Amino acid sequence: MSKGSDSGTQDSGAPAHFARALDALIAKIREDRSVLAVVLCGSLAHDTVWKRSDIDLVLVTIDDKLVPASSMALDADGVNVHALMLPRAAFKRLADGALSNSFMHSMLSKGRLLYAHDESIAPVLERMRVIGGRDTQIQLLAAATEALSCLYKARKWFLTRGDYNYAALWILAAATPMARMEVMRHGQLSDREVLPRALPLNPELFSVIYTGMLNEPKDRDAVERALTMAESHLLSLAPAFAEPVVRWLAEVTEARSCTEIDAHFARTMGIEHVSGTCEYLADQGLIGRASVTSRLTKKSTADVQELAFYALTPPPDVY
């Protein structure tokens, strides 16, 4: 169905039309033996569809080098269908490790299994509905890293320029990763709709940094209140989101440079720019700050001192 310009009004016939289109498409896909299972995701699986909606499908395919992960936009009786083809091994990896609580993990956890030729698929999908403690810590660190960067910019524009509108914009940018943290702290998987979900979970905070920054005048007092509340809230969560950093630094037993820290967390957890979060954690006394001798390039002949961080011994009281 076209997503071009229209009135955008609710179409009472849309659910039935989408269901018929989906049934016809699935009847064809069932005959393809390279497709082991189909999971329905998105609005048709767990929400309300309207006439400009589309259908999201994840097709679990056989493990074959000739059948790589890919995607395709399909047409089903005028309905746009976004199909992601995911090899069985890749699908199963989503149920484990650092990918848990990611966007794809969240989308699949709310999905509906339409059929499966492979009996091992259904248990994997059920495991995705369970949130692991380590996975939550990793995703809290990722969200906090994003939020801290936004709040740093908000504070900068508030203090150096007195531009309250732009500072408010950065507070709103921080609200989304902070909402991810809120829903995860309540044992829920995060998704694209985290802001409206976080509002009832913590109305005191999100009525100020989210709806307040949208609806209220952006004067100095309002922006400063929102910024202070956001910063204070993140500070209260610092021991939780710092855990992966503190644990790793304790394991390596010596200071690690920002280059090493960023490379480690990007490689093992998919989180970029963790060294920026380390600066914040050092300021809060949760880890130590140091420097290590380094060189700017592999061809450099002069030494420089690179910022580094280490685990405190004994650890802070919060641990």
C-alpha atoms as a PDB file:
ATOM      1  CA  MET A   1       0.000   0.000   0.000  1.00  0.00           C
ATOM      2  CA  SER A   2       1.391   3.379  -0.964  1.00  0.00           C
ATOM      3  CA  LYS A   3       2.795   5.574   1.763  1.00  0.00           C
ATOM      4  CA  GLY A   4       2.275   8.692  -0.283  1.00  0.00           C
ATOM      5  CA  SER A   5       0.214  11.683   0.746  1.00  0.00           C
ATOM      6  CA  ASP A   6      -3.282  11.021   2.056  1.00  0.00           C
ATOM      7  CA  SER A   7      -5.479  12.156   4.899  1.00  0.00           C
ATOM      8  CA  GLY A   8      -3.726   9.840   7.355  1.00  0.00           C
ATOM      9  CA  THR A   9      -7.030   8.831   8.894  1.00  0.00           C
ATOM     10  CA  GLN A  10      -7.764   5.447  10.444  1.00  0.00           C
ATOM     11  CA  ASP A  11      -9.104   2.871   7.979  1.00  0.00           C
ATOM     12  CA  SER A  12     -11.366   0.331   9.694  1.00  0.00           C
ATOM     13  CA  GLY A  13     -10.841  -2.095   6.819  1.00  0.00           C
ATOM     14  CA  ALA A  14      -7.039  -2.065   7.067  1.00  0.00           C
ATOM     15  CA  PRO A  15      -6.640  -4.960   9.559  1.00  0.00           C
ATOM     16  CA  ALA A  16      -8.722  -7.338   7.430  1.00  0.00           C
ATOM     17  CA  HIS A  17      -6.930  -6.289   4.241  1.00  0.00           C
ATOM     18  CA  PHE A  18      -3.528  -6.769   5.855  1.00  0.00           C
ATOM     19  CA  ALA A  19      -4.527 -10.173   7.243  1.00  0.00           C
ATOM     20  CA  ARG A  20      -5.682 -11.397   3.830  1.00  0.00           C
ATOM     21  CA  ALA A  21      -2.518 -10.118   2.153  1.00  0.00           C
ATOM     22  CA  LEU A  22      -0.345 -11.790   4.791  1.00  0.00           C
ATOM     23  CA  ASP A  23      -2.168 -15.132   4.555  1.00  0.00           C
ATOM     24  CA  ALA A  24      -1.744 -15.218   0.779  1.00  0.00           C
ATOM     25  CA  LEU A  25       1.960 -14.361   1.006  1.00  0.00           C
ATOM     26  CA  ILE A  26       2.666 -16.934   3.728  1.00  0.00           C
ATOM     27  CA  ALA A  27       0.930 -19.632   1.683  1.00  0.00           C
ATOM     28  CA  LYS A  28       3.514 -19.025  -1.046  1.00  0.00           C
ATOM     29  CA  ILE A  29       6.505 -18.814   1.300  1.00  0.00           C
ATOM     30  CA  ARG A  30       5.602 -22.126   2.985  1.00  0.00           C
ATOM     31  CA  GLU A  31       6.468 -23.888  -0.261  1.00  0.00           C
ATOM     32  CA  ASP A  32      10.033 -22.507  -0.188  1.00  0.00           C
ATOM     33  CA  ARG A  33      12.112 -25.118   1.640  1.00  0.00           C
ATOM     34  CA  SER A  34      15.018 -22.714   2.065  1.00  0.00           C
ATOM     35  CA  VAL A  35      12.816 -20.785   4.515  1.00  0.00           C
ATOM     36  CA  LEU A  36      12.612 -22.636   7.840  1.00  0.00           C
ATOM     37  CA  ALA A  37      10.309 -20.259   9.718  1.00  0.00           C
ATOM     38  CA  VAL A  38       8.547 -16.915   9.472  1.00  0.00           C
ATOM     39  CA  VAL A  39       8.129 -14.468  12.350  1.00  0.00           C
ATOM     40  CA  LEU A  40       5.607 -11.641  12.059  1.00  0.00           C
ATOM     41  CA  CYS A  41       6.895  -8.436  13.665  1.00  0.00           C
ATOM     42  CA  GLY A  42       5.765  -4.836  13.930  1.00  0.00           C
ATOM     43  CA  SER A  43       2.282  -3.403  14.299  1.00  0.00           C
ATOM     44  CA  LEU A  44       0.410  -6.341  12.788  1.00  0.00           C
ATOM     45  CA  ALA A  45       1.924  -8.629  15.434  1.00  0.00           C
ATOM     46  CA  HIS A  46       1.295  -6.580  18.565  1.00  0.00           C
ATOM     47  CA  ASP A  47      -0.248  -3.192  17.794  1.00  0.00           C
ATOM     48  CA  THR A  48      -2.784  -1.407  15.585  1.00  0.00           C
ATOM     49  CA  VAL A  49      -2.382  -1.104  11.833  1.00  0.00           C
ATOM     50  CA  TRP A  50      -3.702   1.697   9.678  1.00  0.00           C
ATOM     51  CA  LYS A  51      -3.856   2.195   5.941  1.00  0.00           C
ATOM     52  CA  ARG A  52      -0.267   3.477   5.643  1.00  0.00           C
ATOM     53  CA  SER A  53       1.222   0.679   7.734  1.00  0.00           C
ATOM     54  CA  ASP A  54       3.387  -2.067   6.321  1.00  0.00           C
ATOM     55  CA  ILE A  55       4.169  -5.638   7.287  1.00  0.00           C
ATOM     56  CA  ASP A  56       7.487  -6.655   8.853  1.00  0.00           C
ATOM     57  CA  LEU A  57       8.613 -10.267   8.504  1.00  0.00           C
ATOM     58  CA  VAL A  58      11.742 -12.097   9.621  1.00  0.00           C
ATOM     59  CA  LEU A  59      12.368 -15.204   7.537  1.00  0.00           C
ATOM     60  CA  VAL A  60      14.684 -17.734   9.185  1.00  0.00           C
ATOM     61  CA  THR A  61      16.581 -19.400   6.356  1.00  0.00           C
ATOM     62  CA  ILE A  62      18.790 -22.450   6.047  1.00  0.00           C
ATOM     63  CA  ASP A  63      22.459 -22.196   6.994  1.00  0.00           C
ATOM     64  CA  ASP A  64      24.113 -22.126   3.597  1.00  0.00           C
ATOM     65  CA  LYS A  65      26.844 -19.871   2.226  1.00  0.00           C
ATOM     66  CA  LEU A  66      24.651 -19.357  -0.829  1.00  0.00           C
ATOM     67  CA  VAL A  67      21.840 -18.024   1.386  1.00  0.00           C
ATOM     68  CA  PRO A  68      23.327 -15.029   3.260  1.00  0.00           C
ATOM     69  CA  ALA A  69      21.463 -12.544   5.416  1.00  0.00           C
ATOM     70  CA  SER A  70      19.595 -10.126   3.193  1.00  0.00           C
ATOM     71  CA  SER A  71      16.417  -8.098   2.924  1.00  0.00           C
ATOM     72  CA  MET A  72      13.760  -7.526   0.311  1.00  0.00           C
ATOM     73  CA  ALA A  73      10.730  -5.274  -0.118  1.00  0.00           C
ATOM     74  CA  LEU A  74       7.740  -7.316  -1.285  1.00  0.00           C
ATOM     75  CA  ASP A  75       4.297  -6.435  -2.570  1.00  0.00           C
ATOM     76  CA  ALA A  76       1.362  -8.401  -1.148  1.00  0.00           C
ATOM     77  CA  ASP A  77      -1.938  -7.275  -2.658  1.00  0.00           C
ATOM     78  CA  GLY A  78      -0.818  -3.649  -2.536  1.00  0.00           C
ATOM     79  CA  VAL A  79       0.649  -3.900   0.977  1.00  0.00           C
ATOM     80  CA  ASN A  80       4.356  -3.137   1.445  1.00  0.00           C
ATOM     81  CA  VAL A  81       6.140  -6.047   3.114  1.00  0.00           C
ATOM     82  CA  HIS A  82       9.652  -5.637   4.526  1.00  0.00           C
ATOM     83  CA  ALA A  83      11.228  -9.083   4.679  1.00  0.00           C
ATOM     84  CA  LEU A  84      14.514  -9.753   6.472  1.00  0.00           C
ATOM     85  CA  MET A  85      16.146 -13.076   5.612  1.00  0.00           C
ATOM     86  CA  LEU A  86      18.236 -14.290   8.542  1.00  0.00           C
ATOM     87  CA  PRO A  87      20.175 -17.592   8.518  1.00  0.00           C
ATOM     88  CA  ARG A  88      19.253 -19.937  11.358  1.00  0.00           C
ATOM     89  CA  ALA A  89      22.651 -19.600  13.072  1.00  0.00           C
ATOM     90  CA  ALA A  90      22.417 -15.795  13.080  1.00  0.00           C
ATOM     91  CA  PHE A  91      18.845 -15.981  14.368  1.00  0.00           C
ATOM     92  CA  LYS A  92      19.922 -18.183  17.267  1.00  0.00           C
ATOM     93  CA  ARG A  93      22.805 -15.848  18.147  1.00  0.00           C
ATOM     94  CA  LEU A  94      20.256 -13.104  18.778  1.00  0.00           C
ATOM     95  CA  ALA A  95      19.011 -15.049  21.785  1.00  0.00           C
ATOM     96  CA  ASP A  96      22.412 -14.845  23.464  1.00  0.00           C
ATOM     97  CA  GLY A  97      25.162 -12.429  24.373  1.00  0.00           C
ATOM     98  CA  ALA A  98      25.448  -8.697  23.921  1.00  0.00           C
ATOM     99  CA  LEU A  99      22.829  -8.584  21.178  1.00  0.00           C
ATOM    100  CA  SER A 100      20.110  -9.206  23.754  1.00  0.00           C
ATOM    101  CA  ASN A 101      17.956  -6.133  24.393  1.00  0.00           C
ATOM    102  CA  SER A 102      19.035  -4.653  21.057  1.00  0.00           C
ATOM    103  CA  PHE A 103      16.461  -3.276  18.630  1.00  0.00           C
ATOM    104  CA  MET A 104      16.367  -6.495  16.587  1.00  0.00           C
ATOM    105  CA  HIS A 105      16.119  -8.584  19.745  1.00  0.00           C
ATOM    106  CA  SER A 106      13.233  -6.414  20.964  1.00  0.00           C
ATOM    107  CA  MET A 107      11.421  -6.606  17.642  1.00  0.00           C
ATOM    108  CA  LEU A 108      11.650 -10.389  17.540  1.00  0.00           C
ATOM    109  CA  SER A 109      10.680 -10.812  21.193  1.00  0.00           C
ATOM    110  CA  LYS A 110       7.326  -9.174  20.440  1.00  0.00           C
ATOM    111  CA  GLY A 111       6.929 -11.098  17.204  1.00  0.00           C
ATOM    112  CA  ARG A 112       4.563 -13.960  16.434  1.00  0.00           C
ATOM    113  CA  LEU A 113       5.776 -17.222  14.944  1.00  0.00           C
ATOM    114  CA  LEU A 114       3.598 -17.925  11.923  1.00  0.00           C
ATOM    115  CA  TYR A 115       5.060 -21.331  11.139  1.00  0.00           C
ATOM    116  CA  ALA A 116       8.269 -23.316  11.501  1.00  0.00           C
ATOM    117  CA  HIS A 117       9.597 -26.341   9.631  1.00  0.00           C
ATOM    118  CA  ASP A 118      12.394 -26.536  12.223  1.00  0.00           C
ATOM    119  CA  GLU A 119      11.296 -27.377  15.787  1.00  0.00           C
ATOM    120  CA  SER A 120      14.322 -25.611  17.289  1.00  0.00           C
ATOM    121  CA  ILE A 121      13.097 -22.169  16.196  1.00  0.00           C
ATOM    122  CA  ALA A 122      10.181 -21.759  18.644  1.00  0.00           C
ATOM    123  CA  PRO A 123      12.314 -22.262  21.813  1.00  0.00           C
ATOM    124  CA  VAL A 124      14.816 -19.696  20.528  1.00  0.00           C
ATOM    125  CA  LEU A 125      12.034 -17.155  20.066  1.00  0.00           C
ATOM    126  CA  GLU A 126      10.819 -17.838  23.611  1.00  0.00           C
ATOM    127  CA  ARG A 127      14.329 -17.259  24.995  1.00  0.00           C
ATOM    128  CA  MET A 128      14.331 -13.834  23.389  1.00  0.00           C
ATOM    129  CA  ARG A 129      11.479 -12.813  25.688  1.00  0.00           C
ATOM    130  CA  VAL A 130      13.791 -13.245  28.695  1.00  0.00           C
ATOM    131  CA  ILE A 131      16.114 -10.355  29.565  1.00  0.00           C
ATOM    132  CA  GLY A 132      19.530 -11.354  30.883  1.00  0.00           C
ATOM    133  CA  GLY A 133      21.184  -9.352  33.653  1.00  0.00           C
ATOM    134  CA  ARG A 134      24.509  -8.991  31.826  1.00  0.00           C
ATOM    135  CA  ASP A 135      22.745  -7.927  28.648  1.00  0.00           C
ATOM    136  CA  THR A 136      20.869  -5.241  30.560  1.00  0.00           C
ATOM    137  CA  GLN A 137      24.136  -3.904  32.011  1.00  0.00           C
ATOM    138  CA  ILE A 138      25.651  -3.683  28.541  1.00  0.00           C
ATOM    139  CA  GLN A 139      22.649  -1.872  27.106  1.00  0.00           C
ATOM    140  CA  LEU A 140      22.533   0.476  30.115  1.00  0.00           C
ATOM    141  CA  LEU A 141      26.155   1.403  29.388  1.00  0.00           C
ATOM    142  CA  ALA A 142      25.354   1.994  25.708  1.00  0.00           C
ATOM    143  CA  ALA A 143      22.363   4.190  26.537  1.00  0.00           C
ATOM    144  CA  ALA A 144      24.233   6.105  29.247  1.00  0.00           C
ATOM    145  CA  THR A 145      27.132   6.781  26.872  1.00  0.00           C
ATOM    146  CA  GLU A 146      24.707   8.354  24.407  1.00  0.00           C
ATOM    147  CA  ALA A 147      22.805  10.308  27.063  1.00  0.00           C
ATOM    148  CA  LEU A 148      25.953  11.699  28.702  1.00  0.00           C
ATOM    149  CA  SER A 149      27.190  13.053  25.384  1.00  0.00           C
ATOM    150  CA  CYS A 150      23.870  14.825  24.784  1.00  0.00           C
ATOM    151  CA  LEU A 151      23.724  16.298  28.280  1.00  0.00           C
ATOM    152  CA  TYR A 152      27.310  17.537  27.978  1.00  0.00           C
ATOM    153  CA  LYS A 153      26.279  19.486  24.873  1.00  0.00           C
ATOM    154  CA  ALA A 154      23.128  20.750  26.581  1.00  0.00           C
ATOM    155  CA  ARG A 155      25.141  22.041  29.550  1.00  0.00           C
ATOM    156  CA  LYS A 156      27.696  23.650  27.220  1.00  0.00           C
ATOM    157  CA  TRP A 157      25.059  25.583  25.241  1.00  0.00           C
ATOM    158  CA  PHE A 158      23.237  26.515  28.424  1.00  0.00           C
ATOM    159  CA  LEU A 159      26.343  27.990  30.060  1.00  0.00           C
ATOM    160  CA  THR A 160      28.463  29.333  27.205  1.00  0.00           C
ATOM    161  CA  ARG A 161      25.813  30.636  24.813  1.00  0.00           C
ATOM    162  CA  GLY A 162      22.701  31.064  26.911  1.00  0.00           C
ATOM    163  CA  ASP A 163      20.811  29.398  24.043  1.00  0.00           C
ATOM    164  CA  TYR A 164      18.000  27.753  25.976  1.00  0.00           C
ATOM    165  CA  ASN A 165      16.171  26.463  22.908  1.00  0.00           C
ATOM    166  CA  TYR A 166      19.231  24.610  21.638  1.00  0.00           C
ATOM    167  CA  ALA A 167      20.054  23.344  25.118  1.00  0.00           C
ATOM    168  CA  ALA A 168      16.480  22.038  25.353  1.00  0.00           C
ATOM    169  CA  LEU A 169      16.938  20.255  22.036  1.00  0.00           C
ATOM    170  CA  TRP A 170      19.937  18.383  23.427  1.00  0.00           C
ATOM    171  CA  ILE A 171      17.995  17.504  26.575  1.00  0.00           C
ATOM    172  CA  LEU A 172      15.293  16.025  24.351  1.00  0.00           C
ATOM    173  CA  ALA A 173      17.993  14.088  22.500  1.00  0.00           C
ATOM    174  CA  ALA A 174      19.137  12.660  25.845  1.00  0.00           C
ATOM    175  CA  ALA A 175      15.567  11.755  26.801  1.00  0.00           C
ATOM    176  CA  THR A 176      15.413   8.817  24.383  1.00  0.00           C
ATOM    177  CA  PRO A 177      18.474   6.893  25.668  1.00  0.00           C
ATOM    178  CA  MET A 178      17.393   7.746  29.212  1.00  0.00           C
ATOM    179  CA  ALA A 179      13.984   6.268  28.406  1.00  0.00           C
ATOM    180  CA  ARG A 180      15.712   3.108  27.195  1.00  0.00           C
ATOM    181  CA  MET A 181      17.441   2.903  30.548  1.00  0.00           C
ATOM    182  CA  GLU A 182      14.146   3.391  32.374  1.00  0.00           C
ATOM    183  CA  VAL A 183      12.253   0.608  30.613  1.00  0.00           C
ATOM    184  CA  MET A 184      15.212  -1.774  30.983  1.00  0.00           C
ATOM    185  CA  ARG A 185      15.432  -1.018  34.707  1.00  0.00           C
ATOM    186  CA  HIS A 186      11.790  -2.093  34.917  1.00  0.00           C
ATOM    187  CA  GLY A 187      12.611  -5.426  33.312  1.00  0.00           C
ATOM    188  CA  GLN A 188      11.231  -4.542  29.893  1.00  0.00           C
ATOM    189  CA  LEU A 189      12.781  -4.699  26.446  1.00  0.00           C
ATOM    190  CA  SER A 190      13.446  -1.346  24.809  1.00  0.00           C
ATOM    191  CA  ASP A 191      12.101  -0.450  21.380  1.00  0.00           C
ATOM    192  CA  ARG A 192      11.360   2.616  19.277  1.00  0.00           C
ATOM    193  CA  GLU A 193       8.457   3.625  21.524  1.00  0.00           C
ATOM    194  CA  VAL A 194      10.513   3.966  24.697  1.00  0.00           C
ATOM    195  CA  LEU A 195       9.623   7.596  25.424  1.00  0.00           C
ATOM    196  CA  PRO A 196       5.843   7.137  25.780  1.00  0.00           C
ATOM    197  CA  ARG A 197       6.525   3.913  27.688  1.00  0.00           C
ATOM    198  CA  ALA A 198       8.977   5.578  30.091  1.00  0.00           C
ATOM    199  CA  LEU A 199       6.643   8.472  30.902  1.00  0.00           C
ATOM    200  CA  PRO A 200       4.255   6.472  33.143  1.00  0.00           C
ATOM    201  CA  LEU A 201       7.174   4.544  34.649  1.00  0.00           C
ATOM    202  CA  ASN A 202       8.848   7.738  35.878  1.00  0.00           C
ATOM    203  CA  PRO A 203       6.481  10.686  35.343  1.00  0.00           C
ATOM    204  CA  GLU A 204       8.422  12.962  37.700  1.00  0.00           C
ATOM    205  CA  LEU A 205      11.471  12.820  35.427  1.00  0.00           C
ATOM    206  CA  PHE A 206      10.011  12.463  31.949  1.00  0.00           C
ATOM    207  CA  SER A 207       7.294  15.068  32.404  1.00  0.00           C
ATOM    208  CA  VAL A 208      10.189  17.517  32.780  1.00  0.00           C
ATOM    209  CA  ILE A 209      12.852  16.325  30.315  1.00  0.00           C
ATOM    210  CA  TYR A 210      10.417  15.034  27.670  1.00  0.00           C
ATOM    211  CA  THR A 211       6.929  16.572  27.594  1.00  0.00           C
ATOM    212  CA  GLY A 212       8.078  19.645  29.510  1.00  0.00           C
ATOM    213  CA  MET A 213      10.814  20.410  26.991  1.00  0.00           C
ATOM    214  CA  LEU A 214       8.296  19.936  24.176  1.00  0.00           C
ATOM    215  CA  ASN A 215       5.351  21.871  25.552  1.00  0.00           C
ATOM    216  CA  GLU A 216       6.601  24.462  28.043  1.00  0.00           C
ATOM    217  CA  PRO A 217       8.455  27.755  27.401  1.00  0.00           C
ATOM    218  CA  LYS A 218      12.213  27.189  27.194  1.00  0.00           C
ATOM    219  CA  ASP A 219      13.268  29.889  29.630  1.00  0.00           C
ATOM    220  CA  ARG A 220      16.368  29.710  31.800  1.00  0.00           C
ATOM    221  CA  ASP A 221      14.647  28.265  34.865  1.00  0.00           C
ATOM    222  CA  ALA A 222      12.791  25.537  32.955  1.00  0.00           C
ATOM    223  CA  VAL A 223      15.843  24.398  31.007  1.00  0.00           C
ATOM    224  CA  GLU A 224      18.110  24.480  34.056  1.00  0.00           C
ATOM    225  CA  ARG A 225      15.591  22.422  36.029  1.00  0.00           C
ATOM    226  CA  ALA A 226      15.353  19.816  33.258  1.00  0.00           C
ATOM    227  CA  LEU A 227      19.114  19.679  32.808  1.00  0.00           C
ATOM    228  CA  THR A 228      19.762  19.326  36.534  1.00  0.00           C
ATOM    229  CA  MET A 229      17.143  16.590  36.884  1.00  0.00           C
ATOM    230  CA  ALA A 230      18.580  14.638  33.954  1.00  0.00           C
ATOM    231  CA  GLU A 231      22.142  14.927  35.245  1.00  0.00           C
ATOM    232  CA  SER A 232      21.118  13.932  38.781  1.00  0.00           C
ATOM    233  CA  HIS A 233      19.175  10.936  37.512  1.00  0.00           C
ATOM    234  CA  LEU A 234      22.118   9.658  35.470  1.00  0.00           C
ATOM    235  CA  LEU A 235      24.417  10.149  38.441  1.00  0.00           C
ATOM    236  CA  SER A 236      22.140   7.942  40.550  1.00  0.00           C
ATOM    237  CA  LEU A 237      22.420   5.220  37.899  1.00  0.00           C
ATOM    238  CA  ALA A 238      26.187   5.516  37.441  1.00  0.00           C
ATOM    239  CA  PRO A 239      27.093   2.489  39.610  1.00  0.00           C
ATOM    240  CA  ALA A 240      24.788   0.331  37.477  1.00  0.00           C
ATOM    241  CA  PHE A 241      25.908   1.414  34.012  1.00  0.00           C
ATOM    242  CA  ALA A 242      29.565   1.588  35.092  1.00  0.00           C
ATOM    243  CA  GLU A 243      29.619  -2.100  36.047  1.00  0.00           C
ATOM    244  CA  PRO A 244      30.946  -3.458  32.695  1.00  0.00           C
ATOM    245  CA  VAL A 245      33.717  -0.836  32.689  1.00  0.00           C
ATOM    246  CA  VAL A 246      34.711  -1.366  36.313  1.00  0.00           C
ATOM    247  CA  ARG A 247      34.674  -5.149  35.918  1.00  0.00           C
ATOM    248  CA  TRP A 248      36.872  -5.125  32.809  1.00  0.00           C
ATOM    249  CA  LEU A 249      39.386  -2.652  34.237  1.00  0.00           C
ATOM    250  CA  ALA A 250      39.632  -4.820  37.360  1.00  0.00           C
ATOM    251  CA  GLU A 251      40.260  -7.893  35.205  1.00  0.00           C
ATOM    252  CA  VAL A 252      43.087  -6.296  33.217  1.00  0.00           C
ATOM    253  CA  THR A 253      44.602  -4.998  36.516  1.00  0.00           C
ATOM    254  CA  GLU A 254      46.345  -1.973  35.020  1.00  0.00           C
ATOM    255  CA  ALA A 255      45.528   1.305  33.305  1.00  0.00           C
ATOM    256  CA  ARG A 256      44.161   1.117  29.790  1.00  0.00           C
ATOM    257  CA  SER A 257      44.360   3.942  27.271  1.00  0.00           C
ATOM    258  CA  CYS A 258      41.286   5.510  25.683  1.00  0.00           C
ATOM    259  CA  THR A 259      42.253   3.861  22.405  1.00  0.00           C
ATOM    260  CA  GLU A 260      42.324   0.427  24.056  1.00  0.00           C
ATOM    261  CA  ILE A 261      39.084   1.051  25.943  1.00  0.00           C
ATOM    262  CA  ASP A 262      37.180   2.181  22.868  1.00  0.00           C
ATOM    263  CA  ALA A 263      38.498  -0.737  20.815  1.00  0.00           C
ATOM    264  CA  HIS A 264      37.578  -3.288  23.493  1.00  0.00           C
ATOM    265  CA  PHE A 265      33.985  -2.169  24.028  1.00  0.00           C
ATOM    266  CA  ALA A 266      33.342  -1.638  20.326  1.00  0.00           C
ATOM    267  CA  ARG A 267      34.659  -5.117  19.524  1.00  0.00           C
ATOM    268  CA  THR A 268      33.108  -7.100  22.381  1.00  0.00           C
ATOM    269  CA  MET A 269      29.877  -5.220  23.091  1.00  0.00           C
ATOM    270  CA  GLY A 270      29.225  -3.040  20.075  1.00  0.00           C
ATOM    271  CA  ILE A 271      29.400   0.183  22.110  1.00  0.00           C
ATOM    272  CA  GLU A 272      31.268   3.143  20.643  1.00  0.00           C
ATOM    273  CA  HIS A 273      33.093   5.958  22.491  1.00  0.00           C
ATOM    274  CA  VAL A 274      33.084   4.394  25.970  1.00  0.00           C
ATOM    275  CA  SER A 275      36.192   6.430  26.820  1.00  0.00           C
ATOM    276  CA  GLY A 276      33.945   9.489  27.054  1.00  0.00           C
ATOM    277  CA  THR A 277      31.878   7.708  29.686  1.00  0.00           C
ATOM    278  CA  CYS A 278      35.102   6.798  31.482  1.00  0.00           C
ATOM    279  CA  GLU A 279      35.908  10.508  31.831  1.00  0.00           C
ATOM    280  CA  TYR A 280      32.548  10.958  33.545  1.00  0.00           C
ATOM    281  CA  LEU A 281      33.042   7.917  35.787  1.00  0.00           C
ATOM    282  CA  ALA A 282      36.484   9.151  36.822  1.00  0.00           C
ATOM    283  CA  ASP A 283      35.000  12.546  37.712  1.00  0.00           C
ATOM    284  CA  GLN A 284      32.493  10.709  39.936  1.00  0.00           C
ATOM    285  CA  GLY A 285      35.229   8.713  41.688  1.00  0.00           C
ATOM    286  CA  LEU A 286      34.128   5.328  40.323  1.00  0.00           C
ATOM    287  CA  ILE A 287      37.359   4.653  38.402  1.00  0.00           C
ATOM    288  CA  GLY A 288      40.821   6.210  38.389  1.00  0.00           C
ATOM    289  CA  ARG A 289      42.367   8.529  35.800  1.00  0.00           C
ATOM    290  CA  ALA A 290      45.967   8.209  34.602  1.00  0.00           C
ATOM    291  CA  SER A 291      48.096   8.486  31.473  1.00  0.00           C
ATOM    292  CA  VAL A 292      50.158   6.020  29.492  1.00  0.00           C
ATOM    293  CA  THR A 293      52.967   6.522  27.022  1.00  0.00           C
ATOM    294  CA  SER A 294      51.787   6.269  23.442  1.00  0.00           C
ATOM    295  CA  ARG A 295      52.614   7.366  19.918  1.00  0.00           C
ATOM    296  CA  LEU A 296      50.352   9.190  17.508  1.00  0.00           C
ATOM    297  CA  THR A 297      51.033   6.923  14.512  1.00  0.00           C
ATOM    298  CA  LYS A 298      52.951   3.729  13.804  1.00  0.00           C
ATOM    299  CA  LYS A 299      55.619   5.899  12.155  1.00  0.00           C
ATOM    300  CA  SER A 300      55.913   8.374  15.056  1.00  0.00           C
ATOM    301  CA  THR A 301      59.255   8.819  16.799  1.00  0.00           C
ATOM    302  CA  ALA A 302      58.061  11.043  19.662  1.00  0.00           C
ATOM    303  CA  ASP A 303      56.183   9.804  22.721  1.00  0.00           C
ATOM    304  CA  VAL A 304      52.994  11.434  24.000  1.00  0.00           C
ATOM    305  CA  GLN A 305      50.920  10.846  27.105  1.00  0.00           C
ATOM    306  CA  GLU A 306      47.503   9.357  26.317  1.00  0.00           C
ATOM    307  CA  LEU A 307      44.589   9.572  28.733  1.00  0.00           C
ATOM    308  CA  ALA A 308      43.969   6.251  30.487  1.00  0.00           C
ATOM    309  CA  PHE A 309      41.769   4.797  33.224  1.00  0.00           C
ATOM    310  CA  TYR A 310      42.122   2.067  35.829  1.00  0.00           C
ATOM    311  CA  ALA A 311      40.076   0.233  38.456  1.00  0.00           C
ATOM    312  CA  LEU A 312      40.279   1.587  41.985  1.00  0.00           C
ATOM    313  CA  THR A 313      41.634  -0.639  44.766  1.00  0.00           C
ATOM    314  CA  PRO A 314      39.732  -1.138  46.959  1.00  0.00           C
ATOM    315  CA  PRO A 315      36.658  -0.555  44.790  1.00  0.00           C
ATOM    316  CA  PRO A 316      34.250   2.265  45.678  1.00  0.00           C
ATOM    317  CA  ASP A 317      31.691   1.537  48.395  1.00  0.00           C
ATOM    318  CA  VAL A 318      28.871   1.263  45.812  1.00  0.00           C
ATOM    319  CA  TYR A 319      30.473  -2.019  44.676  1.00  0.00           C
END
